[in-house]
Amino acid sequence: MKGIERAACRKVDSECFFPISYGAHIPEVIEAKKICGDCPILQACLAYALENGETEGIWGGLVPDERRAILLRQTTPSAAPKSDALELRQVLDGHRQRLDWTWHQVAQALDVSDAVLSKLSGGRRMHPDAMERAWAWAAEQDQTAGAPA
């Protein structure tokens, strides 16, 4: 990896980057993410982990589940830019119509309130976690729709 000699993690014990569990409140995860946040090669580290399929550890400030979510968005037809709330609304509406669901049912599937989901109508973004869940749900629906019945 280019620039590894400048990596902030080179000066600390690598154990905090490979905790037993990756929960958001685990002290090792918090510490590792803090170190990554100050690292001059954060993006290069993340790119390395994504390109090389690193399945364990904290790389580029992200835990394995966060990296898998990025890869899923990059490899699915619904993987439009997360910043485009209107595009997400269109993708969700297509799945809603295919499933013959109400918007309330979509909100339930995404585990968000109707009010949160309605933000997309005006092109406003939902909370990043809700946006992430919505893109992941849309990707799952794409895979289901493409599967033989």
N, C-alpha and C. Protein backbone atom coordinates (compact mmCIF):
# COMPACT_ATOMS: atom_id res chain seq x y z
N MET A 1 0.86 -1.17 0.00
CA MET A 1 0.00 0.00 0.00
C MET A 1 0.91 1.23 0.00
N LYS A 2 0.61 2.15 -0.90
CA LYS A 2 1.41 3.37 -1.02
C LYS A 2 1.24 4.25 0.22
N GLY A 3 2.32 4.73 0.76
CA GLY A 3 2.29 5.63 1.90
C GLY A 3 2.19 4.95 3.24
N ILE A 4 2.33 3.64 3.28
CA ILE A 4 2.16 2.89 4.54
C ILE A 4 3.09 3.42 5.64
N GLU A 5 4.23 3.93 5.25
CA GLU A 5 5.17 4.44 6.26
C GLU A 5 4.62 5.66 6.98
N ARG A 6 3.60 6.33 6.42
CA ARG A 6 2.99 7.50 7.06
C ARG A 6 1.73 7.15 7.83
N ALA A 7 1.32 5.90 7.81
CA ALA A 7 0.07 5.48 8.45
C ALA A 7 0.10 5.71 9.96
N ALA A 8 -0.98 6.25 10.48
CA ALA A 8 -1.09 6.52 11.91
C ALA A 8 -1.05 5.23 12.73
N CYS A 9 -1.52 4.14 12.17
CA CYS A 9 -1.57 2.87 12.90
C CYS A 9 -0.20 2.23 13.09
N ARG A 10 0.80 2.69 12.37
CA ARG A 10 2.14 2.11 12.49
C ARG A 10 2.73 2.34 13.88
N LYS A 11 2.20 3.29 14.60
CA LYS A 11 2.76 3.66 15.90
C LYS A 11 2.00 3.07 17.08
N VAL A 12 0.98 2.24 16.81
CA VAL A 12 0.17 1.69 17.90
C VAL A 12 0.06 0.18 17.77
N ASP A 13 -0.36 -0.46 18.84
CA ASP A 13 -0.55 -1.91 18.86
C ASP A 13 -1.68 -2.28 17.90
N SER A 14 -1.44 -3.21 17.02
CA SER A 14 -2.42 -3.58 15.99
C SER A 14 -3.64 -4.31 16.56
N GLU A 15 -3.59 -4.73 17.83
CA GLU A 15 -4.72 -5.46 18.41
C GLU A 15 -6.01 -4.66 18.40
N CYS A 16 -5.93 -3.33 18.55
CA CYS A 16 -7.17 -2.55 18.57
C CYS A 16 -7.84 -2.53 17.20
N PHE A 17 -7.11 -2.87 16.14
CA PHE A 17 -7.68 -2.90 14.79
C PHE A 17 -8.30 -4.26 14.45
N PHE A 18 -8.12 -5.22 15.34
CA PHE A 18 -8.68 -6.56 15.14
C PHE A 18 -9.37 -7.04 16.42
N PRO A 19 -10.43 -6.32 16.84
CA PRO A 19 -11.12 -6.69 18.08
C PRO A 19 -11.93 -7.98 17.89
N ILE A 20 -12.33 -8.55 19.00
CA ILE A 20 -13.14 -9.76 18.98
C ILE A 20 -14.51 -9.46 18.38
N SER A 21 -15.03 -8.27 18.67
CA SER A 21 -16.35 -7.84 18.19
C SER A 21 -16.22 -6.44 17.60
N TYR A 22 -17.12 -6.09 16.68
CA TYR A 22 -17.03 -4.80 15.99
C TYR A 22 -18.15 -3.85 16.36
N GLY A 23 -18.77 -4.00 17.51
CA GLY A 23 -19.85 -3.11 17.92
C GLY A 23 -19.37 -1.67 18.06
N ALA A 24 -20.27 -0.73 17.83
CA ALA A 24 -19.94 0.70 17.86
C ALA A 24 -19.46 1.17 19.23
N HIS A 25 -19.81 0.44 20.28
CA HIS A 25 -19.43 0.87 21.63
C HIS A 25 -18.24 0.10 22.20
N ILE A 26 -17.63 -0.75 21.39
CA ILE A 26 -16.46 -1.51 21.83
C ILE A 26 -15.26 -0.56 21.90
N PRO A 27 -14.57 -0.49 23.05
CA PRO A 27 -13.46 0.46 23.20
C PRO A 27 -12.39 0.35 22.11
N GLU A 28 -12.06 -0.86 21.69
CA GLU A 28 -11.04 -1.02 20.67
C GLU A 28 -11.49 -0.42 19.33
N VAL A 29 -12.77 -0.58 19.01
CA VAL A 29 -13.32 -0.03 17.77
C VAL A 29 -13.28 1.50 17.83
N ILE A 30 -13.69 2.05 18.94
CA ILE A 30 -13.68 3.50 19.11
C ILE A 30 -12.26 4.04 18.95
N GLU A 31 -11.32 3.40 19.62
CA GLU A 31 -9.92 3.83 19.55
C GLU A 31 -9.36 3.71 18.13
N ALA A 32 -9.63 2.59 17.48
CA ALA A 32 -9.12 2.38 16.11
C ALA A 32 -9.70 3.42 15.16
N LYS A 33 -10.98 3.69 15.27
CA LYS A 33 -11.61 4.68 14.38
C LYS A 33 -11.05 6.08 14.64
N LYS A 34 -10.73 6.37 15.89
CA LYS A 34 -10.14 7.67 16.22
C LYS A 34 -8.76 7.78 15.56
N ILE A 35 -7.97 6.73 15.66
CA ILE A 35 -6.64 6.73 15.04
C ILE A 35 -6.78 6.88 13.52
N CYS A 36 -7.69 6.14 12.94
CA CYS A 36 -7.90 6.23 11.49
C CYS A 36 -8.34 7.63 11.07
N GLY A 37 -9.16 8.26 11.89
CA GLY A 37 -9.65 9.59 11.57
C GLY A 37 -8.56 10.61 11.42
N ASP A 38 -7.43 10.39 12.08
CA ASP A 38 -6.29 11.31 12.01
C ASP A 38 -5.21 10.84 11.03
N CYS A 39 -5.49 9.80 10.29
CA CYS A 39 -4.47 9.19 9.43
C CYS A 39 -4.39 9.88 8.06
N PRO A 40 -3.17 10.19 7.61
CA PRO A 40 -3.02 10.85 6.30
C PRO A 40 -3.29 9.92 5.11
N ILE A 41 -3.33 8.61 5.34
CA ILE A 41 -3.57 7.70 4.21
C ILE A 41 -4.89 6.93 4.38
N LEU A 42 -5.84 7.54 5.06
CA LEU A 42 -7.13 6.90 5.33
C LEU A 42 -7.77 6.37 4.05
N GLN A 43 -7.89 7.18 3.02
CA GLN A 43 -8.54 6.76 1.78
C GLN A 43 -7.77 5.64 1.08
N ALA A 44 -6.46 5.72 1.08
CA ALA A 44 -5.65 4.67 0.45
C ALA A 44 -5.81 3.35 1.20
N CYS A 45 -5.91 3.42 2.51
CA CYS A 45 -6.09 2.23 3.33
C CYS A 45 -7.44 1.58 3.04
N LEU A 46 -8.48 2.40 2.97
CA LEU A 46 -9.82 1.88 2.67
C LEU A 46 -9.83 1.26 1.27
N ALA A 47 -9.25 1.95 0.31
CA ALA A 47 -9.21 1.42 -1.06
C ALA A 47 -8.48 0.08 -1.10
N TYR A 48 -7.39 -0.03 -0.36
CA TYR A 48 -6.63 -1.29 -0.31
C TYR A 48 -7.52 -2.42 0.24
N ALA A 49 -8.23 -2.13 1.34
CA ALA A 49 -9.08 -3.15 1.96
C ALA A 49 -10.19 -3.59 1.02
N LEU A 50 -10.81 -2.64 0.32
CA LEU A 50 -11.89 -2.98 -0.60
C LEU A 50 -11.38 -3.77 -1.80
N GLU A 51 -10.25 -3.35 -2.35
CA GLU A 51 -9.69 -4.01 -3.53
C GLU A 51 -9.16 -5.41 -3.22
N ASN A 52 -8.71 -5.62 -1.99
CA ASN A 52 -8.10 -6.90 -1.63
C ASN A 52 -9.02 -7.80 -0.81
N GLY A 53 -10.27 -7.39 -0.64
CA GLY A 53 -11.24 -8.24 0.04
C GLY A 53 -10.93 -8.52 1.51
N GLU A 54 -10.38 -7.54 2.20
CA GLU A 54 -10.11 -7.71 3.63
C GLU A 54 -11.43 -7.93 4.37
N THR A 55 -11.58 -9.07 5.00
CA THR A 55 -12.83 -9.40 5.68
C THR A 55 -12.76 -9.23 7.19
N GLU A 56 -11.60 -8.98 7.71
CA GLU A 56 -11.44 -8.78 9.15
C GLU A 56 -10.70 -7.48 9.40
N GLY A 57 -10.86 -6.96 10.59
CA GLY A 57 -10.12 -5.78 11.00
C GLY A 57 -10.77 -4.48 10.59
N ILE A 58 -10.21 -3.42 11.13
CA ILE A 58 -10.66 -2.06 10.81
C ILE A 58 -9.64 -1.48 9.85
N TRP A 59 -10.10 -1.18 8.66
CA TRP A 59 -9.26 -0.64 7.59
C TRP A 59 -9.91 0.64 7.09
N GLY A 60 -9.12 1.68 6.95
CA GLY A 60 -9.68 2.93 6.44
C GLY A 60 -10.78 3.48 7.33
N GLY A 61 -10.74 3.15 8.60
CA GLY A 61 -11.73 3.65 9.54
C GLY A 61 -13.05 2.91 9.53
N LEU A 62 -13.14 1.80 8.77
CA LEU A 62 -14.41 1.07 8.68
C LEU A 62 -14.27 -0.37 9.14
N VAL A 63 -15.31 -0.86 9.80
CA VAL A 63 -15.37 -2.26 10.23
C VAL A 63 -15.84 -3.10 9.05
N PRO A 64 -15.72 -4.42 9.12
CA PRO A 64 -16.10 -5.28 8.00
C PRO A 64 -17.50 -5.05 7.45
N ASP A 65 -18.51 -4.90 8.31
CA ASP A 65 -19.88 -4.68 7.82
C ASP A 65 -19.99 -3.38 7.02
N GLU A 66 -19.29 -2.35 7.45
CA GLU A 66 -19.33 -1.07 6.73
C GLU A 66 -18.67 -1.20 5.35
N ARG A 67 -17.59 -1.97 5.29
CA ARG A 67 -16.93 -2.19 3.98
C ARG A 67 -17.79 -3.04 3.07
N ARG A 68 -18.47 -4.06 3.64
CA ARG A 68 -19.36 -4.89 2.83
C ARG A 68 -20.49 -4.05 2.23
N ALA A 69 -21.01 -3.10 2.99
CA ALA A 69 -22.08 -2.23 2.49
C ALA A 69 -21.60 -1.40 1.30
N ILE A 70 -20.38 -0.93 1.36
CA ILE A 70 -19.81 -0.17 0.23
C ILE A 70 -19.70 -1.07 -0.99
N LEU A 71 -19.19 -2.27 -0.79
CA LEU A 71 -19.04 -3.20 -1.92
C LEU A 71 -20.39 -3.58 -2.50
N LEU A 72 -21.39 -3.75 -1.66
CA LEU A 72 -22.73 -4.08 -2.14
C LEU A 72 -23.28 -2.96 -3.01
N ARG A 73 -23.12 -1.71 -2.56
CA ARG A 73 -23.58 -0.57 -3.35
C ARG A 73 -22.85 -0.48 -4.68
N GLN A 74 -21.56 -0.83 -4.69
CA GLN A 74 -20.77 -0.74 -5.91
C GLN A 74 -21.11 -1.83 -6.92
N THR A 75 -21.70 -2.92 -6.47
CA THR A 75 -21.93 -4.06 -7.36
C THR A 75 -23.39 -4.32 -7.69
N THR A 76 -24.29 -3.40 -7.31
CA THR A 76 -25.71 -3.63 -7.59
C THR A 76 -26.25 -2.55 -8.51
N PRO A 77 -27.25 -2.90 -9.34
CA PRO A 77 -27.83 -1.93 -10.25
C PRO A 77 -28.43 -0.72 -9.54
N SER A 78 -28.89 -0.88 -8.32
CA SER A 78 -29.50 0.24 -7.59
C SER A 78 -28.45 1.11 -6.92
N ALA A 79 -27.20 0.86 -7.22
CA ALA A 79 -26.12 1.54 -6.51
C ALA A 79 -25.89 2.96 -7.02
N ALA A 80 -26.88 3.79 -6.94
CA ALA A 80 -26.74 5.19 -7.33
C ALA A 80 -26.10 5.95 -6.18
N PRO A 81 -25.60 7.15 -6.44
CA PRO A 81 -24.98 7.93 -5.36
C PRO A 81 -25.95 8.15 -4.20
N LYS A 82 -25.44 7.95 -2.99
CA LYS A 82 -26.30 8.09 -1.82
C LYS A 82 -26.78 9.51 -1.64
N SER A 83 -26.06 10.48 -2.19
CA SER A 83 -26.45 11.86 -1.98
C SER A 83 -27.69 12.23 -2.77
N ASP A 84 -28.12 11.40 -3.68
CA ASP A 84 -29.27 11.73 -4.51
C ASP A 84 -30.54 11.13 -3.94
N ALA A 85 -31.18 11.88 -3.07
CA ALA A 85 -32.38 11.39 -2.39
C ALA A 85 -33.53 11.16 -3.38
N LEU A 86 -33.64 12.00 -4.40
CA LEU A 86 -34.71 11.81 -5.37
C LEU A 86 -34.53 10.52 -6.15
N GLU A 87 -33.27 10.19 -6.46
CA GLU A 87 -33.03 8.94 -7.17
C GLU A 87 -33.38 7.75 -6.29
N LEU A 88 -33.04 7.82 -5.00
CA LEU A 88 -33.41 6.76 -4.08
C LEU A 88 -34.93 6.64 -4.03
N ARG A 89 -35.62 7.76 -3.99
CA ARG A 89 -37.09 7.74 -3.97
C ARG A 89 -37.63 7.01 -5.20
N GLN A 90 -37.05 7.28 -6.37
CA GLN A 90 -37.50 6.63 -7.60
C GLN A 90 -37.24 5.13 -7.55
N VAL A 91 -36.08 4.74 -7.05
CA VAL A 91 -35.75 3.31 -6.93
C VAL A 91 -36.73 2.63 -5.99
N LEU A 92 -36.97 3.25 -4.83
CA LEU A 92 -37.92 2.66 -3.87
C LEU A 92 -39.33 2.60 -4.45
N ASP A 93 -39.72 3.62 -5.19
CA ASP A 93 -41.05 3.64 -5.77
C ASP A 93 -41.22 2.52 -6.78
N GLY A 94 -40.18 2.24 -7.56
CA GLY A 94 -40.25 1.12 -8.50
C GLY A 94 -40.48 -0.20 -7.79
N HIS A 95 -39.76 -0.42 -6.71
CA HIS A 95 -39.94 -1.66 -5.93
C HIS A 95 -41.31 -1.68 -5.26
N ARG A 96 -41.74 -0.52 -4.77
CA ARG A 96 -43.06 -0.43 -4.12
C ARG A 96 -44.16 -0.83 -5.10
N GLN A 97 -44.06 -0.32 -6.31
CA GLN A 97 -45.08 -0.64 -7.32
C GLN A 97 -45.01 -2.11 -7.72
N ARG A 98 -43.80 -2.64 -7.89
CA ARG A 98 -43.65 -4.05 -8.27
C ARG A 98 -44.24 -4.97 -7.21
N LEU A 99 -44.05 -4.59 -5.93
CA LEU A 99 -44.55 -5.40 -4.82
C LEU A 99 -46.03 -5.11 -4.51
N ASP A 100 -46.58 -4.06 -5.15
CA ASP A 100 -47.94 -3.61 -4.87
C ASP A 100 -48.10 -3.25 -3.40
N TRP A 101 -47.13 -2.48 -2.89
CA TRP A 101 -47.10 -2.05 -1.49
C TRP A 101 -47.50 -0.59 -1.38
N THR A 102 -47.88 -0.20 -0.17
CA THR A 102 -48.09 1.21 0.16
C THR A 102 -46.75 1.76 0.63
N TRP A 103 -46.65 3.11 0.70
CA TRP A 103 -45.42 3.70 1.24
C TRP A 103 -45.24 3.32 2.71
N HIS A 104 -46.34 3.14 3.42
CA HIS A 104 -46.26 2.72 4.81
C HIS A 104 -45.56 1.35 4.92
N GLN A 105 -45.89 0.44 4.02
CA GLN A 105 -45.24 -0.88 4.04
C GLN A 105 -43.75 -0.77 3.73
N VAL A 106 -43.39 0.12 2.82
CA VAL A 106 -41.96 0.34 2.52
C VAL A 106 -41.27 0.88 3.77
N ALA A 107 -41.89 1.85 4.43
CA ALA A 107 -41.30 2.42 5.65
C ALA A 107 -41.10 1.33 6.70
N GLN A 108 -42.08 0.44 6.84
CA GLN A 108 -41.93 -0.66 7.80
C GLN A 108 -40.77 -1.58 7.42
N ALA A 109 -40.63 -1.88 6.13
CA ALA A 109 -39.55 -2.75 5.67
C ALA A 109 -38.18 -2.12 5.94
N LEU A 110 -38.12 -0.80 5.87
CA LEU A 110 -36.86 -0.09 6.10
C LEU A 110 -36.65 0.25 7.57
N ASP A 111 -37.65 -0.06 8.40
CA ASP A 111 -37.59 0.24 9.82
C ASP A 111 -37.41 1.74 10.08
N VAL A 112 -38.19 2.55 9.33
CA VAL A 112 -38.22 3.99 9.53
C VAL A 112 -39.68 4.41 9.62
N SER A 113 -39.91 5.60 10.15
CA SER A 113 -41.28 6.11 10.23
C SER A 113 -41.72 6.62 8.86
N ASP A 114 -43.03 6.76 8.68
CA ASP A 114 -43.56 7.33 7.45
C ASP A 114 -43.00 8.74 7.24
N ALA A 115 -42.86 9.49 8.32
CA ALA A 115 -42.37 10.87 8.23
C ALA A 115 -40.93 10.91 7.73
N VAL A 116 -40.11 10.00 8.22
CA VAL A 116 -38.72 9.95 7.77
C VAL A 116 -38.67 9.61 6.29
N LEU A 117 -39.45 8.63 5.88
CA LEU A 117 -39.47 8.23 4.47
C LEU A 117 -39.99 9.36 3.59
N SER A 118 -40.92 10.15 4.09
CA SER A 118 -41.50 11.23 3.28
C SER A 118 -40.49 12.32 2.96
N LYS A 119 -39.38 12.40 3.70
CA LYS A 119 -38.34 13.37 3.40
C LYS A 119 -37.82 13.20 1.98
N LEU A 120 -37.81 11.98 1.49
CA LEU A 120 -37.30 11.72 0.15
C LEU A 120 -38.15 12.39 -0.92
N SER A 121 -39.43 12.60 -0.65
CA SER A 121 -40.32 13.21 -1.64
C SER A 121 -39.84 14.59 -2.05
N GLY A 122 -39.34 15.33 -1.10
CA GLY A 122 -38.86 16.69 -1.39
C GLY A 122 -37.38 16.72 -1.72
N GLY A 123 -36.77 15.56 -1.92
CA GLY A 123 -35.36 15.51 -2.26
C GLY A 123 -34.44 15.70 -1.07
N ARG A 124 -35.01 15.63 0.13
CA ARG A 124 -34.18 15.76 1.33
C ARG A 124 -33.66 14.39 1.73
N ARG A 125 -32.49 14.38 2.30
CA ARG A 125 -31.90 13.12 2.74
C ARG A 125 -32.45 12.71 4.09
N MET A 126 -32.52 11.40 4.28
CA MET A 126 -32.84 10.85 5.59
C MET A 126 -31.52 10.76 6.36
N HIS A 127 -31.58 10.33 7.60
CA HIS A 127 -30.38 10.07 8.39
C HIS A 127 -29.51 9.10 7.60
N PRO A 128 -28.18 9.24 7.65
CA PRO A 128 -27.30 8.35 6.88
C PRO A 128 -27.56 6.87 7.11
N ASP A 129 -27.89 6.47 8.34
CA ASP A 129 -28.18 5.05 8.60
C ASP A 129 -29.43 4.61 7.85
N ALA A 130 -30.45 5.48 7.82
CA ALA A 130 -31.68 5.15 7.10
C ALA A 130 -31.42 5.10 5.60
N MET A 131 -30.59 6.02 5.09
CA MET A 131 -30.24 5.99 3.66
C MET A 131 -29.53 4.68 3.34
N GLU A 132 -28.61 4.29 4.20
CA GLU A 132 -27.85 3.05 4.00
C GLU A 132 -28.80 1.84 3.96
N ARG A 133 -29.73 1.78 4.93
CA ARG A 133 -30.70 0.68 4.95
C ARG A 133 -31.56 0.68 3.70
N ALA A 134 -31.94 1.86 3.24
CA ALA A 134 -32.80 1.95 2.06
C ALA A 134 -32.07 1.46 0.81
N TRP A 135 -30.81 1.86 0.65
CA TRP A 135 -30.04 1.38 -0.51
C TRP A 135 -29.83 -0.13 -0.42
N ALA A 136 -29.54 -0.64 0.77
CA ALA A 136 -29.34 -2.09 0.93
C ALA A 136 -30.63 -2.85 0.63
N TRP A 137 -31.76 -2.34 1.10
CA TRP A 137 -33.05 -2.98 0.83
C TRP A 137 -33.33 -2.99 -0.67
N ALA A 138 -33.05 -1.85 -1.33
CA ALA A 138 -33.28 -1.77 -2.78
C ALA A 138 -32.39 -2.78 -3.51
N ALA A 139 -31.16 -2.94 -3.06
CA ALA A 139 -30.26 -3.90 -3.69
C ALA A 139 -30.78 -5.33 -3.51
N GLU A 140 -31.29 -5.62 -2.31
CA GLU A 140 -31.88 -6.95 -2.07
C GLU A 140 -33.09 -7.18 -2.97
N GLN A 141 -33.89 -6.15 -3.15
CA GLN A 141 -35.07 -6.26 -4.02
C GLN A 141 -34.66 -6.48 -5.47
N ASP A 142 -33.58 -5.82 -5.90
CA ASP A 142 -33.06 -6.03 -7.25
C ASP A 142 -32.67 -7.49 -7.45
N GLN A 143 -32.00 -8.04 -6.44
CA GLN A 143 -31.56 -9.44 -6.54
C GLN A 143 -32.77 -10.39 -6.54
N THR A 144 -33.76 -10.08 -5.70
CA THR A 144 -34.97 -10.92 -5.64
C THR A 144 -35.74 -10.84 -6.95
N ALA A 145 -35.85 -9.65 -7.51
CA ALA A 145 -36.61 -9.48 -8.75
C ALA A 145 -35.93 -10.21 -9.90
N GLY A 146 -34.60 -10.30 -9.84
CA GLY A 146 -33.88 -10.98 -10.92
C GLY A 146 -33.80 -12.49 -10.75
N ALA A 147 -34.21 -12.99 -9.60
CA ALA A 147 -34.13 -14.43 -9.33
C ALA A 147 -35.32 -15.14 -9.96
N PRO A 148 -35.11 -16.36 -10.45
CA PRO A 148 -36.24 -17.12 -10.99
C PRO A 148 -37.26 -17.43 -9.91
N ALA A 149 -38.51 -17.39 -10.27
CA ALA A 149 -39.59 -17.64 -9.30
C ALA A 149 -39.77 -19.10 -9.02
